[in-house]
């Protein structure tokens, strides 16, 4: 599977997501999850379109229960957006690409403007 989203696991979570500067999008998924398979190509397209502006990660919840538990991921797919190590936005379930883009554009605009 050719993917532009990077895989992250329990061990790399701190480095790849929490300590990562800028905006990070994490797709919580599992192999057996049908809606996750529907969202996967959208996540990859977003990784390509927002390259350099947004870090896109994928976390398999079956293989990494610690992180999934920490963020109370009860349903998948769940996409969490992190800024400065903090979750700032959450999307649960399969969503159209436009919904992801709207949130990403909004979060990128916020981070571009002075606080």
Protein backbone atom coordinates (compact mmCIF):
# COMPACT_ATOMS: atom_id res chain seq x y z
CA UNK A 1 0.00 0.00 0.00
CA UNK A 2 1.63 3.21 -1.14
CA UNK A 3 1.07 5.73 1.57
CA UNK A 4 2.26 9.24 2.25
CA UNK A 5 1.03 9.11 5.81
CA UNK A 6 3.66 7.88 8.25
CA UNK A 7 3.04 5.02 10.64
CA UNK A 8 3.38 5.79 14.31
CA UNK A 9 3.31 3.41 17.28
CA UNK A 10 3.22 3.57 21.08
CA UNK A 11 7.03 3.78 21.21
CA UNK A 12 7.35 6.66 18.72
CA UNK A 13 4.26 8.59 19.81
CA UNK A 14 6.06 11.09 22.04
CA UNK A 15 8.68 11.96 19.41
CA UNK A 16 6.49 11.87 16.30
CA UNK A 17 3.35 13.56 17.61
CA UNK A 18 3.71 15.20 21.03
CA UNK A 19 7.11 16.83 20.39
CA UNK A 20 6.41 17.59 16.75
CA UNK A 21 6.20 21.30 15.90
CA UNK A 22 3.22 22.50 13.90
CA UNK A 23 0.03 20.68 13.07
CA UNK A 24 -0.15 16.87 13.24
CA UNK A 25 -3.07 14.78 12.02
CA UNK A 26 -3.35 11.23 13.38
CA UNK A 27 -5.63 8.62 11.82
CA UNK A 28 -6.56 5.93 14.38
CA UNK A 29 -7.50 2.82 12.42
CA UNK A 30 -7.48 -1.00 12.29
CA UNK A 31 -7.14 -3.53 9.48
CA UNK A 32 -10.61 -5.04 10.03
CA UNK A 33 -12.41 -1.68 10.04
CA UNK A 34 -14.37 -1.04 6.83
CA UNK A 35 -14.87 2.71 7.31
CA UNK A 36 -11.13 2.99 8.08
CA UNK A 37 -10.39 1.51 4.64
CA UNK A 38 -12.69 4.16 3.11
CA UNK A 39 -10.87 6.99 4.91
CA UNK A 40 -7.34 5.68 4.15
CA UNK A 41 -7.08 7.05 0.58
CA UNK A 42 -8.39 10.44 1.76
CA UNK A 43 -5.75 10.53 4.51
CA UNK A 44 -3.05 9.73 1.92
CA UNK A 45 -4.31 12.46 -0.43
CA UNK A 46 -4.28 14.98 2.41
CA UNK A 47 -0.71 13.96 3.31
CA UNK A 48 0.32 14.74 -0.27
CA UNK A 49 -1.68 17.95 -0.63
CA UNK A 50 -0.53 19.41 2.68
CA UNK A 51 3.08 18.17 2.53
CA UNK A 52 5.29 20.63 4.40
CA UNK A 53 2.31 22.19 6.22
CA UNK A 54 0.83 19.21 8.00
CA UNK A 55 2.34 16.02 9.40
CA UNK A 56 0.04 13.06 8.74
CA UNK A 57 0.37 9.92 10.88
CA UNK A 58 -1.51 6.62 11.08
CA UNK A 59 -1.82 4.60 14.28
CA UNK A 60 -3.11 1.01 14.23
CA UNK A 61 -5.25 0.78 17.38
CA UNK A 62 -4.96 -3.03 17.58
CA UNK A 63 -1.16 -2.86 17.64
CA UNK A 64 -0.95 0.25 19.84
CA UNK A 65 -3.62 0.08 22.55
CA UNK A 66 -1.72 2.34 24.94
CA UNK A 67 -2.03 5.51 22.85
CA UNK A 68 -5.58 4.67 21.73
CA UNK A 69 -6.55 4.25 25.38
CA UNK A 70 -4.86 7.47 26.45
CA UNK A 71 -7.03 9.47 24.04
CA UNK A 72 -10.15 7.38 24.72
CA UNK A 73 -10.51 6.24 21.13
CA UNK A 74 -13.75 4.23 21.35
CA UNK A 75 -14.73 4.26 17.68
CA UNK A 76 -12.59 4.09 14.58
CA UNK A 77 -11.78 5.67 12.32
CA UNK A 78 -11.03 8.62 14.58
CA UNK A 79 -8.82 11.42 13.34
CA UNK A 80 -7.21 13.62 15.97
CA UNK A 81 -5.44 16.89 15.20
CA UNK A 82 -2.60 17.94 17.50
CA UNK A 83 -0.99 21.33 17.84
CA UNK A 84 2.00 21.75 20.16
CA UNK A 85 1.41 18.27 21.54
CA UNK A 86 -2.21 18.95 22.49
CA UNK A 87 -5.30 17.49 20.79
CA UNK A 88 -7.22 20.41 19.28
CA UNK A 89 -9.80 18.76 17.05
CA UNK A 90 -11.40 15.32 16.63
CA UNK A 91 -13.35 13.70 13.80
CA UNK A 92 -15.03 10.34 14.39
CA UNK A 93 -16.20 8.08 11.59
CA UNK A 94 -15.74 8.12 7.83
CA UNK A 95 -16.09 11.68 6.56
CA UNK A 96 -15.89 13.33 3.15
CA UNK A 97 -12.54 14.82 2.19
CA UNK A 98 -13.95 18.36 2.26
CA UNK A 99 -14.69 18.04 5.98
CA UNK A 100 -11.05 17.16 6.68
CA UNK A 101 -9.82 19.99 4.46
CA UNK A 102 -12.08 22.54 6.17
CA UNK A 103 -10.68 21.63 9.59
CA UNK A 104 -7.06 21.52 8.36
CA UNK A 105 -7.38 24.90 6.63
CA UNK A 106 -8.98 26.40 9.75
CA UNK A 107 -6.24 25.03 12.04
CA UNK A 108 -3.45 26.11 9.68
CA UNK A 109 -4.93 29.61 9.50
CA UNK A 110 -5.05 29.77 13.31
CA UNK A 111 -1.42 28.70 13.62
CA UNK A 112 -0.32 31.21 10.98
CA UNK A 113 -1.90 34.18 12.75
CA UNK A 114 -0.09 35.68 15.75
CA UNK A 115 -1.50 34.61 19.11
